Amino acid sequence: MADEAAAPETGKTPAPAPALPIKLLIMVVAAALVAGLGGAFIIVKFMGGHNGGGEAAEEHKAEAGSKSDGHGEASGKQAAAPGVMFDLDPFIVNLADAPDIRYLKLTMKLELENEGVSANLSSRIPQLRDTVLVLLSSKDSTTIRTPQGKFQLRDEVTQRINGLLPKPGVKTAYFTDFVVQ
């Protein structure tokens, strides 16, 4: 009996001692994990989000500045109030890539100065589509894939459509779908 009484006491004595450090160790590890994850989240949220947003804002400001430089201050004020929008059906054309056959699917909207231009364009849809199709099929995929190529294409589309009208009334063209395959 003395042995039985001694065995439970030795079993009870070592059991409470390791249980307290294990619980303490688990709590410390959990607290460190939560603090580390929380700190990482805060750093990514404020540092990562701030830099990415700043770059996007700088690009947007630079793009807006280049647009207003090209059109002057008077039309910069008009750009704040959008004009009448004119939807065009999608264009699907073969591009002028010699060895390969590549296609372009392009959907665009035209920003017009007033409703009168919209009525004038509506009566000239076949001429408008022909003009744009001929222009698009003369381009190659390497040129129009670049941002500069897209800006140049936008300007050329605007100029060609304005050439169809008795009085230029198209402010700009906006590409809403642009797929090269």
N, C-alpha and C. Protein backbone atom coordinates (compact mmCIF):
# COMPACT_ATOMS: atom_id res chain seq x y z
N MET A 1 0.80 -1.18 0.00
CA MET A 1 0.00 0.00 0.00
C MET A 1 0.84 1.24 0.00
N ALA A 2 1.96 1.11 0.64
CA ALA A 2 2.83 2.27 0.66
C ALA A 2 3.34 2.54 -0.73
N ASP A 3 3.54 1.45 -1.49
CA ASP A 3 3.99 1.63 -2.87
C ASP A 3 2.88 2.25 -3.73
N GLU A 4 1.63 1.78 -3.47
CA GLU A 4 0.51 2.32 -4.22
C GLU A 4 0.26 3.78 -3.88
N ALA A 5 0.44 4.13 -2.64
CA ALA A 5 0.25 5.52 -2.22
C ALA A 5 1.35 6.39 -2.78
N ALA A 6 2.56 5.85 -2.90
CA ALA A 6 3.67 6.62 -3.41
C ALA A 6 3.55 6.81 -4.92
N ALA A 7 3.03 5.82 -5.63
CA ALA A 7 2.93 5.91 -7.08
C ALA A 7 1.95 7.00 -7.53
N PRO A 8 0.76 7.07 -6.91
CA PRO A 8 -0.12 8.14 -7.36
C PRO A 8 0.43 9.52 -7.02
N GLU A 9 1.13 9.63 -5.91
CA GLU A 9 1.67 10.94 -5.58
C GLU A 9 2.74 11.35 -6.58
N THR A 10 3.58 10.40 -7.00
CA THR A 10 4.58 10.74 -8.00
C THR A 10 3.92 11.01 -9.34
N GLY A 11 2.84 10.35 -9.64
CA GLY A 11 2.11 10.60 -10.88
C GLY A 11 1.42 11.95 -10.83
N LYS A 12 0.91 12.34 -9.66
CA LYS A 12 0.20 13.61 -9.57
C LYS A 12 1.18 14.78 -9.55
N THR A 13 2.32 14.59 -8.92
CA THR A 13 3.27 15.68 -8.79
C THR A 13 3.86 16.07 -10.16
N PRO A 14 4.32 15.12 -10.99
CA PRO A 14 4.88 15.53 -12.26
C PRO A 14 3.80 16.04 -13.25
N ALA A 15 2.57 15.56 -13.16
CA ALA A 15 1.54 15.95 -14.12
C ALA A 15 1.21 17.44 -14.07
N PRO A 16 0.98 18.05 -12.90
CA PRO A 16 0.67 19.47 -12.90
C PRO A 16 1.84 20.35 -13.34
N ALA A 17 3.04 19.95 -13.09
CA ALA A 17 4.19 20.78 -13.45
C ALA A 17 4.34 20.91 -14.97
N PRO A 18 4.28 19.81 -15.78
CA PRO A 18 4.40 19.99 -17.22
C PRO A 18 3.16 20.65 -17.85
N ALA A 19 1.99 20.48 -17.26
CA ALA A 19 0.76 21.02 -17.84
C ALA A 19 0.80 22.55 -17.86
N LEU A 20 1.32 23.16 -16.84
CA LEU A 20 1.38 24.62 -16.78
C LEU A 20 2.33 25.18 -17.83
N PRO A 21 3.55 24.66 -18.03
CA PRO A 21 4.41 25.21 -19.07
C PRO A 21 3.87 24.94 -20.49
N ILE A 22 3.20 23.81 -20.71
CA ILE A 22 2.65 23.53 -22.04
C ILE A 22 1.55 24.54 -22.35
N LYS A 23 0.67 24.79 -21.39
CA LYS A 23 -0.39 25.78 -21.61
C LYS A 23 0.21 27.16 -21.85
N LEU A 24 1.20 27.48 -21.05
CA LEU A 24 1.86 28.77 -21.21
C LEU A 24 2.56 28.86 -22.57
N LEU A 25 3.20 27.79 -22.99
CA LEU A 25 3.87 27.75 -24.28
C LEU A 25 2.87 27.91 -25.42
N ILE A 26 1.74 27.23 -25.34
CA ILE A 26 0.70 27.33 -26.37
C ILE A 26 0.15 28.75 -26.41
N MET A 27 -0.09 29.36 -25.27
CA MET A 27 -0.61 30.73 -25.24
C MET A 27 0.40 31.72 -25.82
N VAL A 28 1.68 31.55 -25.50
CA VAL A 28 2.71 32.45 -26.03
C VAL A 28 2.83 32.29 -27.54
N VAL A 29 2.83 31.05 -28.04
CA VAL A 29 2.92 30.81 -29.47
C VAL A 29 1.69 31.38 -30.19
N ALA A 30 0.52 31.19 -29.62
CA ALA A 30 -0.70 31.71 -30.24
C ALA A 30 -0.68 33.24 -30.26
N ALA A 31 -0.25 33.85 -29.16
CA ALA A 31 -0.18 35.31 -29.12
C ALA A 31 0.84 35.84 -30.12
N ALA A 32 1.97 35.17 -30.24
CA ALA A 32 2.99 35.60 -31.22
C ALA A 32 2.48 35.44 -32.65
N LEU A 33 1.77 34.36 -32.89
CA LEU A 33 1.20 34.13 -34.21
C LEU A 33 0.17 35.20 -34.57
N VAL A 34 -0.71 35.50 -33.65
CA VAL A 34 -1.73 36.54 -33.88
C VAL A 34 -1.06 37.89 -34.08
N ALA A 35 -0.07 38.22 -33.26
CA ALA A 35 0.62 39.50 -33.39
C ALA A 35 1.38 39.57 -34.71
N GLY A 36 2.00 38.50 -35.11
CA GLY A 36 2.75 38.48 -36.38
C GLY A 36 1.82 38.63 -37.58
N LEU A 37 0.73 37.89 -37.57
CA LEU A 37 -0.23 37.99 -38.67
C LEU A 37 -0.89 39.37 -38.71
N GLY A 38 -1.22 39.89 -37.54
CA GLY A 38 -1.81 41.23 -37.48
C GLY A 38 -0.84 42.29 -37.97
N GLY A 39 0.41 42.18 -37.58
CA GLY A 39 1.43 43.13 -38.03
C GLY A 39 1.66 43.04 -39.52
N ALA A 40 1.71 41.81 -40.05
CA ALA A 40 1.89 41.63 -41.49
C ALA A 40 0.70 42.20 -42.26
N PHE A 41 -0.51 41.99 -41.75
CA PHE A 41 -1.69 42.53 -42.41
C PHE A 41 -1.65 44.05 -42.43
N ILE A 42 -1.28 44.66 -41.34
CA ILE A 42 -1.21 46.12 -41.27
C ILE A 42 -0.15 46.66 -42.22
N ILE A 43 1.00 46.02 -42.26
CA ILE A 43 2.06 46.48 -43.17
C ILE A 43 1.63 46.36 -44.62
N VAL A 44 1.05 45.22 -44.99
CA VAL A 44 0.61 45.03 -46.37
C VAL A 44 -0.52 46.01 -46.70
N LYS A 45 -1.44 46.17 -45.78
CA LYS A 45 -2.60 47.03 -46.03
C LYS A 45 -2.18 48.48 -46.23
N PHE A 46 -1.35 49.00 -45.36
CA PHE A 46 -0.99 50.41 -45.43
C PHE A 46 0.18 50.67 -46.38
N MET A 47 1.18 49.87 -46.33
CA MET A 47 2.35 50.10 -47.18
C MET A 47 2.09 49.63 -48.61
N GLY A 48 1.63 48.40 -48.77
CA GLY A 48 1.39 47.86 -50.10
C GLY A 48 0.26 48.57 -50.82
N GLY A 49 -0.85 48.80 -50.14
CA GLY A 49 -1.99 49.48 -50.75
C GLY A 49 -1.68 50.92 -51.06
N HIS A 50 -0.90 51.58 -50.23
CA HIS A 50 -0.58 52.99 -50.44
C HIS A 50 0.30 53.18 -51.66
N ASN A 51 1.33 52.32 -51.82
CA ASN A 51 2.23 52.44 -52.97
C ASN A 51 1.50 52.14 -54.27
N GLY A 52 0.69 51.06 -54.30
CA GLY A 52 -0.03 50.69 -55.51
C GLY A 52 -1.04 51.76 -55.88
N GLY A 53 -1.76 52.28 -54.91
CA GLY A 53 -2.74 53.32 -55.18
C GLY A 53 -2.06 54.59 -55.63
N GLY A 54 -0.91 54.88 -55.07
CA GLY A 54 -0.18 56.09 -55.46
C GLY A 54 0.28 56.01 -56.90
N GLU A 55 0.77 54.84 -57.31
CA GLU A 55 1.22 54.68 -58.69
C GLU A 55 0.04 54.80 -59.65
N ALA A 56 -1.09 54.19 -59.29
CA ALA A 56 -2.26 54.28 -60.15
C ALA A 56 -2.75 55.72 -60.23
N ALA A 57 -2.72 56.42 -59.11
CA ALA A 57 -3.16 57.82 -59.12
C ALA A 57 -2.20 58.67 -59.94
N GLU A 58 -0.89 58.40 -59.85
CA GLU A 58 0.07 59.16 -60.64
C GLU A 58 -0.11 58.89 -62.13
N GLU A 59 -0.38 57.62 -62.50
CA GLU A 59 -0.60 57.31 -63.91
C GLU A 59 -1.86 58.00 -64.41
N HIS A 60 -2.91 58.01 -63.57
CA HIS A 60 -4.16 58.65 -63.97
C HIS A 60 -3.95 60.15 -64.14
N LYS A 61 -3.21 60.77 -63.23
CA LYS A 61 -2.93 62.21 -63.34
C LYS A 61 -2.10 62.50 -64.58
N ALA A 62 -1.11 61.66 -64.87
CA ALA A 62 -0.27 61.87 -66.05
C ALA A 62 -1.10 61.73 -67.33
N GLU A 63 -1.99 60.73 -67.36
CA GLU A 63 -2.83 60.54 -68.53
C GLU A 63 -3.79 61.71 -68.70
N ALA A 64 -4.38 62.17 -67.61
CA ALA A 64 -5.28 63.31 -67.68
C ALA A 64 -4.53 64.57 -68.10
N GLY A 65 -3.31 64.72 -67.61
CA GLY A 65 -2.49 65.87 -67.98
C GLY A 65 -2.14 65.84 -69.45
N SER A 66 -1.82 64.68 -70.00
CA SER A 66 -1.47 64.60 -71.42
C SER A 66 -2.70 64.86 -72.29
N LYS A 67 -3.87 64.44 -71.84
CA LYS A 67 -5.08 64.71 -72.61
C LYS A 67 -5.40 66.20 -72.61
N SER A 68 -5.27 66.84 -71.45
CA SER A 68 -5.60 68.27 -71.39
C SER A 68 -4.55 69.10 -72.12
N ASP A 69 -3.29 68.63 -72.16
CA ASP A 69 -2.25 69.35 -72.90
C ASP A 69 -2.55 69.34 -74.39
N GLY A 70 -3.06 68.25 -74.89
CA GLY A 70 -3.32 68.13 -76.31
C GLY A 70 -4.55 68.89 -76.76
N HIS A 71 -5.50 69.13 -75.88
CA HIS A 71 -6.75 69.75 -76.28
C HIS A 71 -6.92 71.17 -75.76
N GLY A 72 -6.04 71.63 -74.93
CA GLY A 72 -6.14 72.99 -74.39
C GLY A 72 -7.02 73.05 -73.16
N GLU A 73 -7.04 74.19 -72.51
CA GLU A 73 -7.78 74.33 -71.27
C GLU A 73 -9.28 74.36 -71.51
N ALA A 74 -9.73 74.95 -72.59
CA ALA A 74 -11.17 75.07 -72.81
C ALA A 74 -11.82 73.70 -72.96
N SER A 75 -11.21 72.80 -73.75
CA SER A 75 -11.82 71.49 -73.90
C SER A 75 -11.55 70.62 -72.67
N GLY A 76 -10.57 70.96 -71.85
CA GLY A 76 -10.35 70.26 -70.59
C GLY A 76 -11.54 70.46 -69.67
N LYS A 77 -12.13 71.64 -69.70
CA LYS A 77 -13.32 71.90 -68.90
C LYS A 77 -14.52 71.15 -69.48
N GLN A 78 -14.59 71.03 -70.79
CA GLN A 78 -15.68 70.30 -71.41
C GLN A 78 -15.56 68.81 -71.15
N ALA A 79 -14.34 68.30 -70.98
CA ALA A 79 -14.14 66.88 -70.74
C ALA A 79 -14.75 66.46 -69.41
N ALA A 80 -14.91 67.40 -68.48
CA ALA A 80 -15.51 67.07 -67.20
C ALA A 80 -16.98 66.69 -67.39
N ALA A 81 -17.66 67.32 -68.33
CA ALA A 81 -19.04 66.98 -68.64
C ALA A 81 -19.05 66.13 -69.91
N PRO A 82 -19.30 64.82 -69.79
CA PRO A 82 -19.24 63.97 -70.96
C PRO A 82 -20.31 64.33 -71.98
N GLY A 83 -19.97 64.12 -73.23
CA GLY A 83 -20.91 64.40 -74.30
C GLY A 83 -21.86 63.24 -74.50
N VAL A 84 -22.56 63.27 -75.60
CA VAL A 84 -23.50 62.22 -75.96
C VAL A 84 -22.70 61.00 -76.39
N MET A 85 -23.10 59.83 -75.91
CA MET A 85 -22.39 58.60 -76.26
C MET A 85 -23.16 57.87 -77.37
N PHE A 86 -22.41 57.36 -78.35
CA PHE A 86 -22.98 56.67 -79.51
C PHE A 86 -22.36 55.28 -79.55
N ASP A 87 -23.19 54.24 -79.40
CA ASP A 87 -22.70 52.86 -79.40
C ASP A 87 -22.57 52.34 -80.82
N LEU A 88 -21.50 51.60 -81.05
CA LEU A 88 -21.30 50.93 -82.33
C LEU A 88 -21.30 49.42 -82.10
N ASP A 89 -21.78 48.69 -83.10
CA ASP A 89 -21.74 47.23 -83.02
C ASP A 89 -20.29 46.78 -83.08
N PRO A 90 -19.99 45.59 -82.56
CA PRO A 90 -18.59 45.10 -82.57
C PRO A 90 -18.04 44.93 -83.99
N PHE A 91 -16.75 45.17 -84.11
CA PHE A 91 -16.02 44.97 -85.36
C PHE A 91 -15.15 43.73 -85.19
N ILE A 92 -15.20 42.82 -86.15
CA ILE A 92 -14.31 41.66 -86.17
C ILE A 92 -13.61 41.67 -87.51
N VAL A 93 -12.27 41.83 -87.48
CA VAL A 93 -11.51 41.96 -88.72
C VAL A 93 -10.28 41.06 -88.70
N ASN A 94 -9.80 40.74 -89.90
CA ASN A 94 -8.50 40.10 -90.06
C ASN A 94 -7.47 41.21 -90.02
N LEU A 95 -6.41 41.00 -89.26
CA LEU A 95 -5.34 42.00 -89.20
C LEU A 95 -4.35 41.77 -90.33
N ALA A 96 -3.50 42.74 -90.58
CA ALA A 96 -2.56 42.70 -91.70
C ALA A 96 -1.25 42.00 -91.34
N ASP A 97 -1.29 40.97 -90.52
CA ASP A 97 -0.10 40.18 -90.21
C ASP A 97 0.14 39.22 -91.36
N ALA A 98 1.30 39.33 -92.00
CA ALA A 98 1.57 38.58 -93.24
C ALA A 98 1.63 37.06 -93.03
N PRO A 99 2.55 36.52 -92.23
CA PRO A 99 2.63 35.06 -92.19
C PRO A 99 1.50 34.44 -91.36
N ASP A 100 1.03 35.13 -90.36
CA ASP A 100 0.00 34.58 -89.47
C ASP A 100 -1.35 35.20 -89.79
N ILE A 101 -2.38 34.48 -89.42
CA ILE A 101 -3.73 35.03 -89.54
C ILE A 101 -4.16 35.42 -88.12
N ARG A 102 -4.36 36.69 -87.91
CA ARG A 102 -4.77 37.20 -86.60
C ARG A 102 -6.05 37.99 -86.77
N TYR A 103 -6.85 37.96 -85.71
CA TYR A 103 -8.13 38.65 -85.73
C TYR A 103 -8.17 39.71 -84.64
N LEU A 104 -8.98 40.71 -84.85
CA LEU A 104 -9.24 41.74 -83.86
C LEU A 104 -10.73 41.86 -83.68
N LYS A 105 -11.17 41.77 -82.43
CA LYS A 105 -12.56 42.06 -82.10
C LYS A 105 -12.53 43.35 -81.31
N LEU A 106 -13.24 44.35 -81.80
CA LEU A 106 -13.22 45.68 -81.21
C LEU A 106 -14.64 46.20 -81.08
N THR A 107 -14.99 46.62 -79.87
CA THR A 107 -16.25 47.30 -79.62
C THR A 107 -15.89 48.67 -79.12
N MET A 108 -16.60 49.68 -79.60
CA MET A 108 -16.27 51.04 -79.16
C MET A 108 -17.52 51.89 -79.04
N LYS A 109 -17.34 52.98 -78.30
CA LYS A 109 -18.35 54.00 -78.15
C LYS A 109 -17.72 55.31 -78.59
N LEU A 110 -18.53 56.16 -79.20
CA LEU A 110 -18.06 57.46 -79.64
C LEU A 110 -18.66 58.53 -78.74
N GLU A 111 -17.82 59.46 -78.31
CA GLU A 111 -18.32 60.60 -77.55
C GLU A 111 -18.54 61.74 -78.53
N LEU A 112 -19.79 62.21 -78.59
CA LEU A 112 -20.18 63.23 -79.55
C LEU A 112 -20.43 64.56 -78.86
N GLU A 113 -20.40 65.62 -79.64
CA GLU A 113 -20.62 66.95 -79.08
C GLU A 113 -22.08 67.21 -78.76
N ASN A 114 -23.01 66.70 -79.60
CA ASN A 114 -24.43 66.94 -79.34
C ASN A 114 -25.28 65.87 -80.01
N GLU A 115 -26.59 65.96 -79.81
CA GLU A 115 -27.53 64.98 -80.37
C GLU A 115 -27.60 65.05 -81.89
N GLY A 116 -27.35 66.22 -82.47
CA GLY A 116 -27.40 66.37 -83.92
C GLY A 116 -26.36 65.49 -84.60
N VAL A 117 -25.20 65.38 -84.00
CA VAL A 117 -24.15 64.53 -84.56
C VAL A 117 -24.58 63.07 -84.49
N SER A 118 -25.28 62.71 -83.41
CA SER A 118 -25.76 61.34 -83.26
C SER A 118 -26.74 60.99 -84.38
N ALA A 119 -27.65 61.91 -84.69
CA ALA A 119 -28.60 61.67 -85.77
C ALA A 119 -27.88 61.56 -87.11
N ASN A 120 -26.87 62.39 -87.31
CA ASN A 120 -26.10 62.36 -88.55
C ASN A 120 -25.35 61.04 -88.70
N LEU A 121 -24.75 60.56 -87.60
CA LEU A 121 -24.04 59.29 -87.65
C LEU A 121 -24.99 58.12 -87.87
N SER A 122 -26.16 58.18 -87.28
CA SER A 122 -27.14 57.10 -87.45
C SER A 122 -27.52 56.92 -88.91
N SER A 123 -27.55 58.00 -89.65
CA SER A 123 -27.91 57.89 -91.06
C SER A 123 -26.72 57.44 -91.92
N ARG A 124 -25.52 57.41 -91.34
CA ARG A 124 -24.32 57.04 -92.09
C ARG A 124 -23.63 55.78 -91.54
N ILE A 125 -24.38 54.90 -90.94
CA ILE A 125 -23.80 53.69 -90.33
C ILE A 125 -23.01 52.86 -91.36
N PRO A 126 -23.51 52.61 -92.57
CA PRO A 126 -22.71 51.79 -93.51
C PRO A 126 -21.37 52.44 -93.86
N GLN A 127 -21.35 53.75 -94.09
CA GLN A 127 -20.10 54.44 -94.40
C GLN A 127 -19.16 54.42 -93.19
N LEU A 128 -19.72 54.61 -92.01
CA LEU A 128 -18.93 54.62 -90.78
C LEU A 128 -18.27 53.26 -90.58
N ARG A 129 -19.05 52.18 -90.68
CA ARG A 129 -18.50 50.84 -90.47
C ARG A 129 -17.45 50.50 -91.53
N ASP A 130 -17.69 50.88 -92.77
CA ASP A 130 -16.72 50.64 -93.83
C ASP A 130 -15.40 51.35 -93.55
N THR A 131 -15.49 52.60 -93.15
CA THR A 131 -14.28 53.38 -92.86
C THR A 131 -13.48 52.75 -91.73
N VAL A 132 -14.16 52.34 -90.67
CA VAL A 132 -13.47 51.74 -89.52
C VAL A 132 -12.92 50.37 -89.89
N LEU A 133 -13.67 49.57 -90.62
CA LEU A 133 -13.19 48.24 -91.02
C LEU A 133 -11.94 48.32 -91.89
N VAL A 134 -11.92 49.25 -92.84
CA VAL A 134 -10.74 49.41 -93.70
C VAL A 134 -9.54 49.83 -92.85
N LEU A 135 -9.76 50.75 -91.93
CA LEU A 135 -8.66 51.19 -91.06
C LEU A 135 -8.15 50.05 -90.19
N LEU A 136 -9.05 49.31 -89.55
CA LEU A 136 -8.63 48.23 -88.65
C LEU A 136 -7.90 47.11 -89.40
N SER A 137 -8.38 46.77 -90.59
CA SER A 137 -7.74 45.68 -91.32
C SER A 137 -6.38 46.06 -91.89
N SER A 138 -6.04 47.34 -91.86
CA SER A 138 -4.71 47.76 -92.32
C SER A 138 -3.66 47.71 -91.21
N LYS A 139 -4.08 47.41 -89.99
CA LYS A 139 -3.17 47.39 -88.84
C LYS A 139 -2.64 45.97 -88.60
N ASP A 140 -1.45 45.90 -87.99
CA ASP A 140 -0.92 44.59 -87.60
C ASP A 140 -0.97 44.46 -86.08
N SER A 141 -0.93 43.22 -85.61
CA SER A 141 -1.16 42.95 -84.19
C SER A 141 -0.07 43.52 -83.29
N THR A 142 1.18 43.56 -83.76
CA THR A 142 2.25 44.08 -82.91
C THR A 142 2.09 45.56 -82.64
N THR A 143 1.55 46.30 -83.60
CA THR A 143 1.36 47.74 -83.42
C THR A 143 0.22 48.04 -82.48
N ILE A 144 -0.91 47.38 -82.66
CA ILE A 144 -2.10 47.74 -81.88
C ILE A 144 -2.11 47.13 -80.48
N ARG A 145 -1.20 46.23 -80.19
CA ARG A 145 -1.15 45.66 -78.83
C ARG A 145 -0.52 46.62 -77.83
N THR A 146 0.28 47.55 -78.29
CA THR A 146 0.94 48.49 -77.38
C THR A 146 -0.01 49.60 -76.99
N PRO A 147 0.18 50.21 -75.83
CA PRO A 147 -0.66 51.35 -75.45
C PRO A 147 -0.57 52.50 -76.44
N GLN A 148 0.63 52.77 -76.95
CA GLN A 148 0.78 53.85 -77.92
C GLN A 148 0.01 53.52 -79.20
N GLY A 149 0.04 52.27 -79.61
CA GLY A 149 -0.69 51.85 -80.79
C GLY A 149 -2.20 52.01 -80.61
N LYS A 150 -2.69 51.72 -79.41
CA LYS A 150 -4.12 51.89 -79.14
C LYS A 150 -4.50 53.37 -79.15
N PHE A 151 -3.66 54.22 -78.57
CA PHE A 151 -3.95 55.66 -78.59
C PHE A 151 -3.93 56.20 -80.03
N GLN A 152 -2.98 55.75 -80.82
CA GLN A 152 -2.90 56.18 -82.21
C GLN A 152 -4.13 55.69 -82.98
N LEU A 153 -4.53 54.45 -82.74
CA LEU A 153 -5.71 53.90 -83.41
C LEU A 153 -6.95 54.69 -83.02
N ARG A 154 -7.07 55.04 -81.77
CA ARG A 154 -8.21 55.83 -81.30
C ARG A 154 -8.26 57.18 -82.03
N ASP A 155 -7.11 57.82 -82.15
CA ASP A 155 -7.06 59.12 -82.84
C ASP A 155 -7.40 58.97 -84.33
N GLU A 156 -6.90 57.91 -84.95
CA GLU A 156 -7.19 57.70 -86.37
C GLU A 156 -8.67 57.41 -86.60
N VAL A 157 -9.28 56.63 -85.72
CA VAL A 157 -10.71 56.35 -85.84
C VAL A 157 -11.50 57.64 -85.72
N THR A 158 -11.14 58.47 -84.75
CA THR A 158 -11.84 59.75 -84.55
C THR A 158 -11.71 60.63 -85.77
N GLN A 159 -10.51 60.72 -86.32
CA GLN A 159 -10.28 61.57 -87.50
C GLN A 159 -11.05 61.06 -88.71
N ARG A 160 -11.04 59.75 -88.92
CA ARG A 160 -11.73 59.19 -90.09
C ARG A 160 -13.24 59.38 -89.99
N ILE A 161 -13.79 59.19 -88.80
CA ILE A 161 -15.23 59.36 -88.65
C ILE A 161 -15.60 60.84 -88.79
N ASN A 162 -14.79 61.72 -88.24
CA ASN A 162 -15.05 63.16 -88.42
C ASN A 162 -14.95 63.56 -89.89
N GLY A 163 -14.14 62.85 -90.67
CA GLY A 163 -14.04 63.12 -92.10
C GLY A 163 -15.31 62.78 -92.86
N LEU A 164 -16.12 61.87 -92.32
CA LEU A 164 -17.39 61.52 -92.94
C LEU A 164 -18.46 62.58 -92.72
N LEU A 165 -18.33 63.35 -91.66
CA LEU A 165 -19.37 64.30 -91.28
C LEU A 165 -19.16 65.65 -91.94
N PRO A 166 -20.23 66.39 -92.20
CA PRO A 166 -20.08 67.73 -92.76
C PRO A 166 -19.33 68.66 -91.83
N LYS A 167 -19.57 68.51 -90.53
CA LYS A 167 -18.87 69.30 -89.51
C LYS A 167 -18.38 68.33 -88.45
N PRO A 168 -17.07 68.30 -88.12
CA PRO A 168 -16.58 67.35 -87.12
C PRO A 168 -17.33 67.47 -85.81
N GLY A 169 -17.81 66.33 -85.32
CA GLY A 169 -18.58 66.34 -84.08
C GLY A 169 -18.22 65.21 -83.13
N VAL A 170 -17.26 64.38 -83.50
CA VAL A 170 -16.84 63.28 -82.64
C VAL A 170 -15.67 63.77 -81.80
N LYS A 171 -15.85 63.76 -80.47
CA LYS A 171 -14.76 64.20 -79.58
C LYS A 171 -13.67 63.13 -79.51
N THR A 172 -14.08 61.90 -79.22
CA THR A 172 -13.12 60.80 -79.11
C THR A 172 -13.84 59.47 -79.21
N ALA A 173 -13.07 58.42 -79.40
CA ALA A 173 -13.58 57.06 -79.44
C ALA A 173 -13.07 56.33 -78.20
N TYR A 174 -13.93 55.53 -77.61
CA TYR A 174 -13.55 54.74 -76.43
C TYR A 174 -13.68 53.26 -76.79
N PHE A 175 -12.60 52.50 -76.56
CA PHE A 175 -12.62 51.07 -76.80
C PHE A 175 -13.19 50.38 -75.57
N THR A 176 -14.29 49.69 -75.74
CA THR A 176 -14.90 48.99 -74.61
C THR A 176 -14.61 47.49 -74.65
N ASP A 177 -14.14 47.00 -75.77
CA ASP A 177 -13.75 45.60 -75.90
C ASP A 177 -12.65 45.54 -76.95
N PHE A 178 -11.51 44.94 -76.60
CA PHE A 178 -10.35 44.94 -77.50
C PHE A 178 -9.66 43.59 -77.35
N VAL A 179 -9.88 42.69 -78.32
CA VAL A 179 -9.32 41.34 -78.24
C VAL A 179 -8.55 41.06 -79.52
N VAL A 180 -7.28 40.70 -79.39
CA VAL A 180 -6.46 40.27 -80.53
C VAL A 180 -6.20 38.80 -80.37
N GLN A 181 -6.48 38.04 -81.42
CA GLN A 181 -6.27 36.60 -81.34
C GLN A 181 -5.50 36.13 -82.55
